[in-house]
Amino acid sequence: MYRLLIVDDEPIIVEGLSALFQRLDRLQLEVYRAFDGYEALELVRKLRMDIVLTDIEMPGMNGIELQRQIGRLWPRCKFIFLTGYDTFDYIQSSIRGGAVDYVLKTEGDAPIIAAVEKAIGSMQLEMDADNLLRGARTRMKAALPALRREYLNALLSGSASCAGEERRDKFGELDIPLNAAAPVHLVLCRLDRWRDEWSGSPDNLTLYAVSNVAEELLAPDCLVVHLAAGQRRLVLFVQPKDGMEACAALADGRAFDGYLLGTLEEVQAACRQYLKTVCSFAVSQEPYAWEQLADKYDRLTLLFERGLGLGSETLLSDERMFAGGDRQLRTKVNRIRLLEAHLANKDTAKFFALFDEIAAAIAEPEAMQTGATLEAFYELTAVFISQLNRLELFAFASERMNVGKLLSIREHESWPEAAAYFRRLAEWLFARMSEQNERETSDVVVAVNDYVTEHLGEDLSLNRLAELVYLTPFYLSRLYKQKTGSSISDYITETRLDEAKRLLEQTHLKIHEIGERVGYDSAAYFTKFFKKLTRMTPQEYRDSAKRR
C-alpha cells in the first residue's frame, strides 16, 4: 500500500482528486489531503509519504519549495505537479527537483491517474527484489560479524532453531566455517590475569589476541570459530578437519580430546610468555551435537564455578563432571528464563517444548528437595509472576488459578503435580493473551467507528484516526480491515451517505448545509459524491422520499 498526499489551495480539487483515488482500489492507496504547502509539510513531518500530487502555484509556500522541503525528509518520495501553468520555467524547475511527472489541470483525470501509476511503477522498480537483495547483501556483509555473534550466542542459550537444514542454511548465510552436520567440541576460555590487570577487565584486543593464538595453533588440524562471551571469557567452537587421523582413530572422539588438551597447554604457555596473560580452559571431552549445545555449554560453565575451576591457569575436561542429577538439573534451570521470552512473544509451541524438556529433567520424586529443583520451582514462579504483573492479570489469576500455589513448593505433593500446575497456568495465560488481543482490536474498531459517526463534518483522515487510537496509520488500516473485512474509507463513505440520506429525509436543511455536516465543504462535490452512490442528486432523493 502506498501513501498519496494531494495538495492544492482549491478545496474542490483536493476533494475531487481524493475521491477519485479512493475509488481506485487496484492502486492500493492511502489518500491524504492538505490545502496549502505548510499544512502538507506539517503532515509529512509526522508521516512518511510515497507520492505527493501538488499544485505548483499556491499562496505562502509554492510546490517547488514544498518539493525541496519534503525531499530533505523523504528523499524517495515521488512528486507529481498539477498546475494550470504551461510554462517552460515551471516544468524545468520541477524536473530538476526530481518530479516524476507534470500534469496540466486542463488535461482531465486520465493523465493524473497515469502519472500516479507511473510513480508507483518507479517505486516498485526501485524496490525490485533483486535490487533489495543486492543492497541487503552489501549491508549484511558489513554486519556479518555482529550477526554471527548473535546467532552463535543464540545457539549457546538454546534460543536458536537447531533443525539440521535450517542450521546448515544459516551457517552458509553467515559464513560460519564449520560443518553444520557434524558434532562440535566446545572450549571455554577464562582470562585469569592480563598485562594491564589494574584496569579492571581485559580489553577487546587482549581477548582477540588470545583467540588468535588458539586459532593459530589449532588451525593446521581444526576448523575454529571464536566468540567473546563476556569481559573475561571466550568460547571456541572446534571441529577436526576432514581426514584427521587422530579423530578417526576412535569413534567417540577421545583421541581428539587428548590432542585438544595438549594444544591448549601450548596456548596457555604462548599467552603467558608473549601476551603476559594467564588463562584457564574448560574442554568438552566428546563432541556435542548442535542440538545439545545449550545444555552442554551450561555444564562446561559450571566447571569454572567450583573446585579446581576456581584456581588459576587450569585446564579441565568435562570428564571430571559426575553425572549427578543436581548438576544436570542446574543446566535446565539456567534455561528457564527463555520461557519468559516465549511467553512474551506468545510462542506457544516453543514455550511448551522447552517447558516439557525442563519438567522432564526434574521429574524424579526424590529430586523434589534438591537445590536445583527448588531453584527451578522459584525461577518458574518468577517467570509467571512477572508475566501476570506485566499483563495486569495477577488479581484475576488469584481468583481463577489459585496463585498461592506459586508461592511455595510445599503446596505441591510432588514435582509432577507442580509441573502440571505450571502447565495449566501457562495454558490459561496464553488464552488470556489471545482474548486481550482480540478485545483490544475490537476496542480500536469501536473507537474509530464512534469517532467517525460523531465527527462526520471534521477531519477523518487516516492520520487523524491513527492519532486517536495511538497506532501508526498503516497498522491501523491493516488491523481494521483484518477485523471488519472492509476499509476505513469504506466505512466513512457508508456512514456519510447514511447520514446525508437521514438529513435529506428528516430535516429542512439546505443541500450545502447537509454537505457540510457530512464532511463536504463544496455543494458541487457533495452532489457529485451523492449521485455517484445513489444515481440521484440530493434534491431528487429528497423529493422521492417525500412521495413515499
Protein backbone atom coordinates (compact mmCIF):
# COMPACT_ATOMS: atom_id res chain seq x y z
CA MET A 1 0.00 0.00 0.00
CA TYR A 2 1.28 3.47 -0.95
CA ARG A 3 0.55 6.84 0.64
CA LEU A 4 -0.60 9.65 -1.65
CA LEU A 5 -0.78 13.26 -0.47
CA ILE A 6 -2.89 15.69 -2.52
CA VAL A 7 -2.04 19.37 -2.02
CA ASP A 8 -3.96 22.29 -3.52
CA ASP A 9 -5.34 25.57 -2.24
CA GLU A 10 -8.63 24.88 -4.06
CA PRO A 11 -10.75 22.57 -1.82
CA ILE A 12 -12.93 21.34 -4.67
CA ILE A 13 -9.83 20.00 -6.49
CA VAL A 14 -8.49 18.31 -3.35
CA GLU A 15 -11.87 16.73 -2.56
CA GLY A 16 -12.42 15.60 -6.13
CA LEU A 17 -8.99 14.01 -6.54
CA SER A 18 -9.22 12.43 -3.10
CA ALA A 19 -12.50 10.73 -4.02
CA LEU A 20 -11.10 9.72 -7.42
CA PHE A 21 -8.12 7.86 -5.96
CA GLN A 22 -10.05 6.34 -3.06
CA ARG A 23 -12.27 4.64 -5.64
CA LEU A 24 -9.30 3.11 -7.45
CA ASP A 25 -8.85 0.03 -5.27
CA ARG A 26 -6.38 -1.52 -7.73
CA LEU A 27 -3.79 1.15 -6.86
CA GLN A 28 -3.96 0.35 -3.11
CA LEU A 29 -3.56 3.95 -1.97
CA GLU A 30 -3.92 5.63 1.40
CA VAL A 31 -5.04 9.12 0.44
CA TYR A 32 -4.22 12.24 2.50
CA ARG A 33 -5.21 15.87 1.89
CA ALA A 34 -3.66 19.27 2.56
CA PHE A 35 -4.84 22.72 1.45
CA ASP A 36 -1.51 24.54 1.38
CA GLY A 37 2.21 23.83 1.49
CA TYR A 38 2.58 24.47 5.22
CA GLU A 39 -0.20 22.03 6.13
CA ALA A 40 1.35 19.44 3.80
CA LEU A 41 4.78 19.88 5.37
CA GLU A 42 3.37 19.55 8.88
CA LEU A 43 1.67 16.29 7.90
CA VAL A 44 4.79 14.90 6.20
CA ARG A 45 6.88 15.61 9.28
CA LYS A 46 4.67 13.18 11.17
CA LEU A 47 4.11 10.61 8.45
CA ARG A 48 6.19 9.30 5.54
CA MET A 49 4.63 9.91 2.12
CA ASP A 50 5.33 7.91 -1.04
CA ILE A 51 3.75 10.23 -3.63
CA VAL A 52 2.86 13.92 -3.46
CA LEU A 53 0.45 15.30 -6.05
CA THR A 54 0.62 19.05 -5.66
CA ASP A 55 -0.27 22.32 -7.29
CA ILE A 56 2.75 24.50 -8.05
CA GLU A 57 1.39 27.99 -7.60
CA MET A 58 -0.01 28.21 -4.05
CA PRO A 59 -0.01 31.12 -1.59
CA GLY A 60 2.71 31.05 1.09
CA MET A 61 4.78 28.02 0.05
CA ASN A 62 4.67 27.00 -3.61
CA GLY A 63 5.00 23.46 -4.90
CA ILE A 64 8.68 23.77 -5.87
CA GLU A 65 9.65 24.81 -2.32
CA LEU A 66 7.42 22.09 -0.86
CA GLN A 67 9.28 19.56 -3.02
CA ARG A 68 12.62 20.76 -1.66
CA GLN A 69 11.44 20.58 1.95
CA ILE A 70 9.87 17.12 1.66
CA GLY A 71 12.87 15.86 -0.31
CA ARG A 72 15.07 16.53 2.71
CA LEU A 73 12.77 14.42 4.91
CA TRP A 74 11.85 11.64 2.48
CA PRO A 75 14.33 11.50 -0.42
CA ARG A 76 12.49 8.66 -2.17
CA CYS A 77 9.13 10.49 -2.21
CA LYS A 78 7.81 10.93 -5.79
CA PHE A 79 6.41 14.31 -6.85
CA ILE A 80 3.75 14.97 -9.46
CA PHE A 81 2.96 18.60 -10.23
CA LEU A 82 -0.60 19.51 -11.14
CA THR A 83 -0.93 23.05 -12.41
CA GLY A 84 -2.63 25.44 -14.77
CA TYR A 85 0.72 26.95 -15.82
CA ASP A 86 2.16 25.50 -19.01
CA THR A 87 5.46 27.38 -18.87
CA PHE A 88 8.95 26.11 -19.52
CA ASP A 89 10.41 27.58 -16.30
CA TYR A 90 7.97 25.66 -14.09
CA ILE A 91 8.49 22.41 -15.97
CA GLN A 92 12.28 22.80 -15.87
CA SER A 93 12.32 23.62 -12.13
CA SER A 94 10.10 20.68 -11.20
CA ILE A 95 12.02 18.14 -13.29
CA ARG A 96 15.35 19.43 -11.96
CA GLY A 97 13.97 18.89 -8.47
CA GLY A 98 13.18 15.24 -9.23
CA ALA A 99 9.49 15.32 -10.19
CA VAL A 100 8.31 12.16 -11.95
CA ASP A 101 5.60 13.97 -13.91
CA TYR A 102 3.95 17.30 -14.70
CA VAL A 103 0.22 17.37 -15.50
CA LEU A 104 -1.92 20.32 -16.59
CA LYS A 105 -5.23 20.73 -14.74
CA THR A 106 -6.99 21.09 -18.07
CA GLU A 107 -5.99 17.56 -19.17
CA GLY A 108 -8.62 15.73 -17.06
CA ASP A 109 -8.46 12.67 -14.77
CA ALA A 110 -6.81 10.11 -17.06
CA PRO A 111 -3.36 11.77 -17.26
CA ILE A 112 -3.38 12.35 -13.50
CA ILE A 113 -4.11 8.66 -12.84
CA ALA A 114 -1.43 7.69 -15.36
CA ALA A 115 1.09 9.93 -13.58
CA VAL A 116 0.37 8.29 -10.22
CA GLU A 117 0.64 4.84 -11.81
CA LYS A 118 3.99 5.89 -13.29
CA ALA A 119 5.19 6.99 -9.82
CA ILE A 120 4.10 3.64 -8.33
CA GLY A 121 5.92 1.80 -11.12
CA SER A 122 9.06 3.82 -10.43
CA MET A 123 8.92 2.90 -6.72
CA GLN A 124 8.31 -0.75 -7.50
CA LEU A 125 11.36 -0.75 -9.77
CA GLU A 126 13.45 0.79 -7.02
CA MET A 127 12.15 -1.80 -4.58
CA ASP A 128 12.58 -4.67 -7.02
CA ALA A 129 13.51 -7.88 -5.21
CA ASP A 130 16.88 -8.20 -6.94
CA ASN A 131 17.84 -4.64 -6.07
CA LEU A 132 16.74 -5.13 -2.49
CA LEU A 133 18.68 -8.36 -2.17
CA ARG A 134 21.81 -6.82 -3.64
CA GLY A 135 21.59 -3.96 -1.18
CA ALA A 136 20.84 -6.33 1.67
CA ARG A 137 23.85 -8.49 0.80
CA THR A 138 26.13 -5.45 0.84
CA ARG A 139 24.82 -4.27 4.19
CA MET A 140 24.81 -7.79 5.58
CA LYS A 141 28.45 -8.25 4.68
CA ALA A 142 29.29 -5.23 6.83
CA ALA A 143 27.06 -6.52 9.63
CA LEU A 144 28.23 -10.14 9.33
CA PRO A 145 30.44 -10.25 12.46
CA ALA A 146 27.62 -8.91 14.65
CA LEU A 147 25.04 -11.26 13.07
CA ARG A 148 27.38 -14.22 13.51
CA ARG A 149 27.92 -13.35 17.20
CA GLU A 150 24.18 -13.04 17.72
CA TYR A 151 23.48 -16.43 16.13
CA LEU A 152 26.26 -18.27 17.99
CA ASN A 153 25.06 -16.76 21.27
CA ALA A 154 21.54 -17.94 20.42
CA LEU A 155 22.88 -21.49 19.86
CA LEU A 156 24.57 -21.42 23.26
CA SER A 157 21.45 -20.13 25.02
CA GLY A 158 19.15 -22.58 23.23
CA SER A 159 17.02 -19.83 21.67
CA ALA A 160 18.05 -20.57 18.07
CA SER A 161 16.40 -23.26 15.98
CA CYS A 162 18.69 -26.26 15.60
CA ALA A 163 16.88 -28.06 12.78
CA GLY A 164 19.54 -29.58 10.52
CA GLU A 165 18.68 -27.95 7.20
CA GLU A 166 17.88 -24.61 8.78
CA ARG A 167 21.18 -24.67 10.66
CA ARG A 168 23.11 -25.53 7.50
CA ASP A 169 21.49 -22.64 5.62
CA LYS A 170 22.24 -20.27 8.49
CA PHE A 171 25.90 -21.31 8.56
CA GLY A 172 26.13 -20.60 4.84
CA GLU A 173 24.32 -17.27 5.15
CA LEU A 174 26.57 -16.08 8.00
CA ASP A 175 29.74 -17.57 6.51
CA ILE A 176 30.44 -19.70 9.60
CA PRO A 177 33.35 -22.00 8.59
CA LEU A 178 32.09 -25.06 10.48
CA ASN A 179 30.26 -28.22 9.44
CA ALA A 180 26.61 -27.78 10.43
CA ALA A 181 26.00 -31.55 10.14
CA ALA A 182 28.95 -32.67 12.30
CA PRO A 183 29.25 -32.50 16.12
CA VAL A 184 31.44 -29.83 17.66
CA HIS A 185 33.85 -29.58 20.59
CA LEU A 186 33.33 -26.63 22.92
CA VAL A 187 36.24 -24.88 24.60
CA LEU A 188 35.64 -22.23 27.26
CA CYS A 189 38.45 -19.81 27.99
CA ARG A 190 38.69 -17.56 31.05
CA LEU A 191 41.32 -14.86 31.41
CA ASP A 192 42.69 -15.04 34.97
CA ARG A 193 45.40 -12.37 34.74
CA TRP A 194 46.43 -9.97 31.98
CA ARG A 195 49.04 -7.33 31.27
CA ASP A 196 47.03 -4.28 32.42
CA GLU A 197 45.17 -6.04 35.19
CA TRP A 198 44.89 -2.78 37.15
CA SER A 199 42.36 -1.56 34.55
CA GLY A 200 39.71 -3.92 35.97
CA SER A 201 38.98 -6.06 32.90
CA PRO A 202 40.89 -7.11 29.79
CA ASP A 203 40.30 -5.03 26.68
CA ASN A 204 38.91 -6.44 23.43
CA LEU A 205 42.40 -6.52 21.93
CA THR A 206 43.63 -8.90 24.65
CA LEU A 207 40.65 -11.22 24.12
CA TYR A 208 41.21 -11.15 20.38
CA ALA A 209 44.94 -11.86 20.83
CA VAL A 210 44.21 -14.93 23.00
CA SER A 211 41.66 -16.25 20.48
CA ASN A 212 44.15 -15.61 17.68
CA VAL A 213 46.85 -17.65 19.45
CA ALA A 214 44.39 -20.53 19.93
CA GLU A 215 43.25 -20.43 16.31
CA GLU A 216 46.84 -20.29 15.00
CA LEU A 217 47.86 -23.38 16.98
CA LEU A 218 44.68 -25.34 16.19
CA ALA A 219 44.36 -24.25 12.55
CA PRO A 220 46.55 -26.94 10.93
CA ASP A 221 44.17 -29.69 12.04
CA CYS A 222 40.93 -27.96 13.01
CA LEU A 223 38.15 -25.64 11.98
CA VAL A 224 37.85 -22.97 14.69
CA VAL A 225 35.40 -20.13 15.37
CA HIS A 226 35.67 -17.94 18.45
CA LEU A 227 33.04 -15.93 20.31
CA ALA A 228 33.54 -13.34 23.06
CA ALA A 229 31.31 -14.38 25.97
CA GLY A 230 31.74 -11.55 28.44
CA GLN A 231 34.60 -9.34 29.61
CA ARG A 232 36.91 -12.21 30.60
CA ARG A 233 35.64 -15.17 28.59
CA LEU A 234 35.84 -16.71 25.15
CA VAL A 235 34.11 -19.69 23.61
CA LEU A 236 35.84 -21.69 20.89
CA PHE A 237 33.85 -23.96 18.56
CA VAL A 238 36.29 -26.62 17.31
CA GLN A 239 35.89 -29.39 14.72
CA PRO A 240 38.62 -31.66 13.29
CA LYS A 241 39.25 -31.15 9.60
CA ASP A 242 38.13 -33.94 7.28
CA GLY A 243 40.54 -36.87 7.27
CA MET A 244 42.29 -36.06 10.51
CA GLU A 245 43.66 -39.45 11.59
CA ALA A 246 43.71 -38.63 15.29
CA CYS A 247 39.98 -38.17 15.30
CA ALA A 248 39.30 -41.12 13.07
CA ALA A 249 41.16 -43.41 15.44
CA LEU A 250 38.27 -43.55 17.91
CA ALA A 251 34.64 -43.05 17.02
CA ASP A 252 33.87 -41.41 20.36
CA GLY A 253 36.38 -38.61 19.80
CA ARG A 254 38.58 -39.35 22.86
CA ALA A 255 41.80 -39.29 20.79
CA PHE A 256 40.90 -35.85 19.54
CA ASP A 257 40.16 -34.79 23.11
CA GLY A 258 43.77 -35.65 24.03
CA TYR A 259 45.04 -33.65 21.04
CA LEU A 260 42.86 -30.71 22.05
CA LEU A 261 44.05 -30.66 25.66
CA GLY A 262 47.67 -30.86 24.53
CA THR A 263 47.27 -27.99 22.09
CA LEU A 264 45.54 -25.84 24.70
CA GLU A 265 48.52 -26.35 27.00
CA GLU A 266 50.61 -24.78 24.22
CA VAL A 267 48.11 -21.91 24.01
CA GLN A 268 48.43 -21.28 27.76
CA ALA A 269 52.22 -21.22 27.51
CA ALA A 270 52.23 -18.89 24.50
CA CYS A 271 49.77 -16.48 26.13
CA ARG A 272 51.79 -16.42 29.35
CA GLN A 273 55.10 -15.82 27.54
CA TYR A 274 54.12 -13.41 24.77
CA LEU A 275 50.91 -11.74 25.97
CA LYS A 276 51.70 -11.76 29.71
CA THR A 277 48.22 -13.23 30.10
CA VAL A 278 47.20 -16.23 32.21
CA CYS A 279 44.15 -18.19 31.05
CA SER A 280 42.16 -21.25 32.05
CA PHE A 281 40.33 -23.65 29.72
CA ALA A 282 37.36 -26.00 30.13
CA VAL A 283 37.06 -28.52 27.30
CA SER A 284 34.36 -30.90 26.19
CA GLN A 285 35.65 -34.46 26.29
CA GLU A 286 33.40 -35.55 23.46
CA PRO A 287 31.99 -33.63 20.51
CA TYR A 288 28.44 -32.38 21.05
CA ALA A 289 25.54 -32.44 18.63
CA TRP A 290 24.43 -28.88 17.87
CA GLU A 291 21.04 -29.68 19.42
CA GLN A 292 22.78 -30.39 22.76
CA LEU A 293 24.92 -27.26 22.73
CA ALA A 294 22.92 -25.16 25.22
CA ASP A 295 22.84 -27.88 27.89
CA LYS A 296 26.49 -28.80 27.42
CA TYR A 297 27.60 -25.17 27.47
CA ASP A 298 25.89 -24.73 30.84
CA ARG A 299 27.65 -27.82 32.18
CA LEU A 300 31.05 -26.58 30.99
CA THR A 301 30.40 -23.20 32.59
CA LEU A 302 29.90 -24.98 35.92
CA LEU A 303 33.49 -26.24 35.76
CA PHE A 304 34.69 -22.67 36.32
CA GLU A 305 32.36 -22.14 39.26
CA ARG A 306 33.58 -24.77 41.71
CA GLY A 307 36.51 -26.89 42.82
CA LEU A 308 39.60 -26.77 40.59
CA GLY A 309 37.82 -24.36 38.28
CA LEU A 310 38.22 -21.60 40.85
CA GLY A 311 42.00 -21.79 40.51
CA SER A 312 44.29 -20.01 38.05
CA GLU A 313 45.63 -21.39 34.73
CA THR A 314 43.53 -24.53 34.99
CA LEU A 315 42.91 -26.95 32.14
CA LEU A 316 39.80 -29.04 32.78
CA SER A 317 37.77 -31.54 30.81
CA ASP A 318 34.09 -32.16 31.44
CA GLU A 319 35.10 -35.78 32.07
CA ARG A 320 35.56 -34.55 35.67
CA MET A 321 31.87 -33.79 35.93
CA PHE A 322 29.92 -36.59 37.54
CA ALA A 323 26.53 -37.48 36.13
CA GLY A 324 24.70 -36.38 39.30
CA GLY A 325 21.12 -35.29 38.86
CA ASP A 326 21.68 -31.95 40.57
CA ARG A 327 24.21 -30.76 38.02
CA GLN A 328 22.08 -31.91 35.11
CA LEU A 329 19.11 -30.15 36.64
CA ARG A 330 21.11 -26.95 37.02
CA THR A 331 21.75 -26.85 33.29
CA LYS A 332 17.99 -26.96 32.76
CA VAL A 333 17.37 -24.32 35.41
CA ASN A 334 19.67 -21.94 33.54
CA ARG A 335 17.31 -22.12 30.55
CA ILE A 336 14.11 -21.30 32.43
CA ARG A 337 14.40 -17.58 31.70
CA LEU A 338 13.99 -18.39 27.99
CA LEU A 339 10.41 -19.34 28.85
CA GLU A 340 9.72 -15.70 29.71
CA ALA A 341 10.64 -14.61 26.17
CA HIS A 342 8.42 -17.32 24.65
CA LEU A 343 5.52 -16.18 26.85
CA ALA A 344 6.01 -12.52 25.91
CA ASN A 345 6.18 -13.44 22.21
CA LYS A 346 3.04 -15.61 22.54
CA ASP A 347 5.03 -18.51 21.04
CA THR A 348 3.02 -21.44 22.39
CA ALA A 349 4.93 -24.20 20.57
CA LYS A 350 8.40 -23.07 21.69
CA PHE A 351 7.22 -22.43 25.24
CA PHE A 352 5.74 -25.88 25.81
CA ALA A 353 8.59 -27.70 24.02
CA LEU A 354 11.12 -26.10 26.38
CA PHE A 355 8.85 -26.37 29.43
CA ASP A 356 8.32 -30.11 28.88
CA GLU A 357 12.06 -30.61 28.45
CA ILE A 358 12.77 -28.83 31.76
CA ALA A 359 9.92 -30.57 33.59
CA ALA A 360 11.12 -34.00 32.41
CA ALA A 361 14.61 -33.31 33.74
CA ILE A 362 13.19 -32.64 37.22
CA ALA A 363 10.59 -35.42 37.16
CA GLU A 364 12.09 -37.83 39.70
CA PRO A 365 10.10 -37.66 43.00
CA GLU A 366 13.25 -37.91 45.13
CA ALA A 367 14.64 -34.79 43.42
CA MET A 368 11.93 -32.59 44.94
CA GLN A 369 14.16 -31.34 47.76
CA THR A 370 17.42 -30.90 45.83
CA GLY A 371 18.79 -27.39 45.49
CA ALA A 372 18.33 -27.35 41.71
CA THR A 373 14.71 -28.46 41.96
CA LEU A 374 13.90 -25.73 44.44
CA GLU A 375 15.69 -23.22 42.26
CA ALA A 376 13.74 -24.42 39.20
CA PHE A 377 10.44 -24.05 41.05
CA TYR A 378 11.10 -20.48 42.15
CA GLU A 379 12.61 -19.48 38.81
CA LEU A 380 9.38 -20.64 37.16
CA THR A 381 7.42 -18.74 39.81
CA ALA A 382 9.36 -15.56 38.97
CA VAL A 383 8.65 -16.02 35.24
CA PHE A 384 4.90 -16.41 35.77
CA ILE A 385 4.53 -13.63 38.35
CA SER A 386 6.43 -11.24 36.08
CA GLN A 387 4.14 -12.05 33.15
CA LEU A 388 0.97 -11.81 35.26
CA ASN A 389 2.02 -8.39 36.54
CA ARG A 390 3.02 -7.17 33.09
CA LEU A 391 -0.42 -8.09 31.73
CA GLU A 392 -2.18 -6.81 34.89
CA LEU A 393 -3.72 -10.25 35.39
CA PHE A 394 -2.44 -11.12 38.86
CA ALA A 395 -5.71 -10.35 40.71
CA PHE A 396 -7.76 -12.16 38.07
CA ALA A 397 -5.43 -15.19 38.22
CA SER A 398 -5.74 -15.22 42.02
CA GLU A 399 -9.46 -15.89 41.62
CA ARG A 400 -9.19 -18.43 38.81
CA MET A 401 -5.83 -20.22 39.15
CA ASN A 402 -5.04 -20.24 42.90
CA VAL A 403 -1.76 -18.32 42.56
CA GLY A 404 -0.96 -19.28 46.16
CA LYS A 405 0.45 -22.46 44.60
CA LEU A 406 3.15 -20.28 43.01
CA LEU A 407 4.44 -19.08 46.35
CA SER A 408 5.61 -22.31 47.97
CA ILE A 409 6.82 -25.65 46.68
CA ARG A 410 5.16 -27.23 49.75
CA GLU A 411 1.79 -26.52 48.10
CA HIS A 412 2.56 -29.49 45.82
CA GLU A 413 2.97 -33.12 46.85
CA SER A 414 5.38 -33.94 44.05
CA TRP A 415 7.23 -32.33 41.15
CA PRO A 416 4.81 -33.83 38.58
CA GLU A 417 1.96 -32.10 40.43
CA ALA A 418 3.87 -28.79 40.46
CA ALA A 419 4.74 -29.15 36.75
CA ALA A 420 1.10 -29.87 35.90
CA TYR A 421 0.07 -26.70 37.75
CA PHE A 422 2.65 -24.57 35.87
CA ARG A 423 1.44 -26.06 32.58
CA ARG A 424 -2.22 -25.25 33.36
CA LEU A 425 -1.22 -21.72 34.35
CA ALA A 426 0.70 -21.29 31.07
CA GLU A 427 -2.29 -22.53 29.04
CA TRP A 428 -4.54 -20.10 30.94
CA LEU A 429 -2.11 -17.23 30.31
CA PHE A 430 -1.87 -17.91 26.58
CA ALA A 431 -5.69 -17.99 26.37
CA ARG A 432 -5.97 -14.66 28.25
CA MET A 433 -3.36 -13.03 26.00
CA SER A 434 -5.30 -14.16 22.94
CA GLU A 435 -8.52 -12.75 24.41
CA GLN A 436 -6.77 -9.48 25.27
CA ASN A 437 -5.51 -9.13 21.72
CA GLU A 438 -8.99 -9.77 20.31
CA ARG A 439 -10.58 -7.36 22.80
CA GLU A 440 -8.07 -4.59 22.11
CA THR A 441 -8.60 -4.98 18.36
CA SER A 442 -12.37 -4.72 18.87
CA ASP A 443 -11.91 -1.66 21.09
CA VAL A 444 -9.87 0.04 18.36
CA VAL A 445 -12.55 -0.62 15.74
CA VAL A 446 -15.31 0.62 18.05
CA ALA A 447 -13.33 3.77 18.91
CA VAL A 448 -12.72 4.55 15.24
CA ASN A 449 -16.34 3.90 14.25
CA ASP A 450 -17.70 6.00 17.12
CA TYR A 451 -15.40 8.90 16.27
CA VAL A 452 -16.35 8.78 12.59
CA THR A 453 -20.07 8.77 13.44
CA GLU A 454 -19.76 11.70 15.84
CA HIS A 455 -17.38 13.84 13.72
CA LEU A 456 -18.57 13.39 10.13
CA GLY A 457 -18.03 17.06 9.34
CA GLU A 458 -14.44 17.11 10.64
CA ASP A 459 -11.05 15.74 9.65
CA LEU A 460 -11.40 11.97 9.17
CA SER A 461 -8.04 11.35 7.56
CA LEU A 462 -6.31 8.08 8.39
CA ASN A 463 -3.59 10.07 10.13
CA ARG A 464 -6.12 11.73 12.47
CA LEU A 465 -7.84 8.44 13.29
CA ALA A 466 -4.47 6.77 13.94
CA GLU A 467 -3.55 9.53 16.40
CA LEU A 468 -6.85 8.93 18.16
CA VAL A 469 -6.05 5.26 18.92
CA TYR A 470 -2.24 5.66 19.25
CA LEU A 471 -1.33 3.47 16.28
CA THR A 472 0.52 4.13 13.04
CA PRO A 473 -1.78 4.85 10.06
CA PHE A 474 -0.58 1.81 8.13
CA TYR A 475 -1.06 -0.57 11.07
CA LEU A 476 -4.50 0.87 11.86
CA SER A 477 -5.59 0.43 8.24
CA ARG A 478 -4.45 -3.20 8.19
CA LEU A 479 -5.87 -4.02 11.64
CA TYR A 480 -9.27 -2.51 10.79
CA LYS A 481 -9.54 -4.47 7.55
CA GLN A 482 -8.48 -7.72 9.25
CA LYS A 483 -11.16 -7.27 11.88
CA THR A 484 -14.07 -5.95 9.76
CA GLY A 485 -13.33 -7.15 6.24
CA SER A 486 -13.69 -3.62 4.84
CA SER A 487 -11.54 -0.50 4.80
CA ILE A 488 -11.90 2.58 7.00
CA SER A 489 -12.59 4.73 3.94
CA ASP A 490 -15.50 2.40 3.00
CA TYR A 491 -16.95 2.83 6.49
CA ILE A 492 -16.59 6.62 6.31
CA THR A 493 -18.27 6.76 2.89
CA GLU A 494 -21.12 4.50 4.02
CA THR A 495 -21.68 6.50 7.23
CA ARG A 496 -21.62 9.83 5.38
CA LEU A 497 -24.13 8.56 2.86
CA ASP A 498 -26.47 7.18 5.54
CA GLU A 499 -26.36 10.44 7.49
CA ALA A 500 -26.89 12.50 4.33
CA LYS A 501 -29.98 10.40 3.48
CA ARG A 502 -31.33 10.83 7.01
CA LEU A 503 -30.88 14.61 6.92
CA LEU A 504 -32.47 14.84 3.48
CA GLU A 505 -35.48 12.82 4.62
CA GLN A 506 -36.00 14.22 8.13
CA THR A 507 -34.84 17.88 8.03
CA HIS A 508 -35.35 21.03 6.01
CA LEU A 509 -31.63 21.85 5.88
CA LYS A 510 -30.33 23.17 2.58
CA ILE A 511 -28.27 20.85 0.39
CA HIS A 512 -24.98 22.67 1.03
CA GLU A 513 -25.66 22.62 4.80
CA ILE A 514 -26.14 18.85 4.71
CA GLY A 515 -22.96 18.51 2.66
CA GLU A 516 -21.01 20.46 5.29
CA ARG A 517 -22.43 18.31 8.10
CA VAL A 518 -21.20 15.11 6.46
CA GLY A 519 -17.77 16.47 5.55
CA TYR A 520 -18.09 18.16 2.14
CA ASP A 521 -17.34 21.89 2.04
CA SER A 522 -18.33 22.13 -1.62
CA ALA A 523 -22.00 21.67 -2.52
CA ALA A 524 -20.98 20.69 -6.04
CA TYR A 525 -18.70 17.97 -4.79
CA PHE A 526 -21.30 16.72 -2.29
CA THR A 527 -23.79 16.41 -5.14
CA LYS A 528 -21.26 14.53 -7.25
CA PHE A 529 -20.49 12.16 -4.34
CA PHE A 530 -24.17 11.52 -3.59
CA LYS A 531 -25.19 10.96 -7.21
CA LYS A 532 -22.35 8.53 -7.83
CA LEU A 533 -23.54 6.30 -4.99
CA THR A 534 -27.33 6.64 -5.38
CA ARG A 535 -27.76 7.59 -9.06
CA MET A 536 -29.79 10.59 -7.82
CA THR A 537 -28.91 14.13 -6.86
CA PRO A 538 -29.56 15.05 -3.21
CA GLN A 539 -32.63 17.07 -4.29
CA GLU A 540 -34.01 14.19 -6.34
CA TYR A 541 -33.55 11.87 -3.36
CA ARG A 542 -35.34 14.33 -1.04
CA ASP A 543 -38.24 14.65 -3.49
CA SER A 544 -38.56 10.87 -3.87
CA ALA A 545 -38.56 10.47 -0.07
CA LYS A 546 -41.47 12.88 0.21
CA ARG A 547 -43.52 10.82 -2.29
CA ARG A 548 -43.09 7.61 -0.29
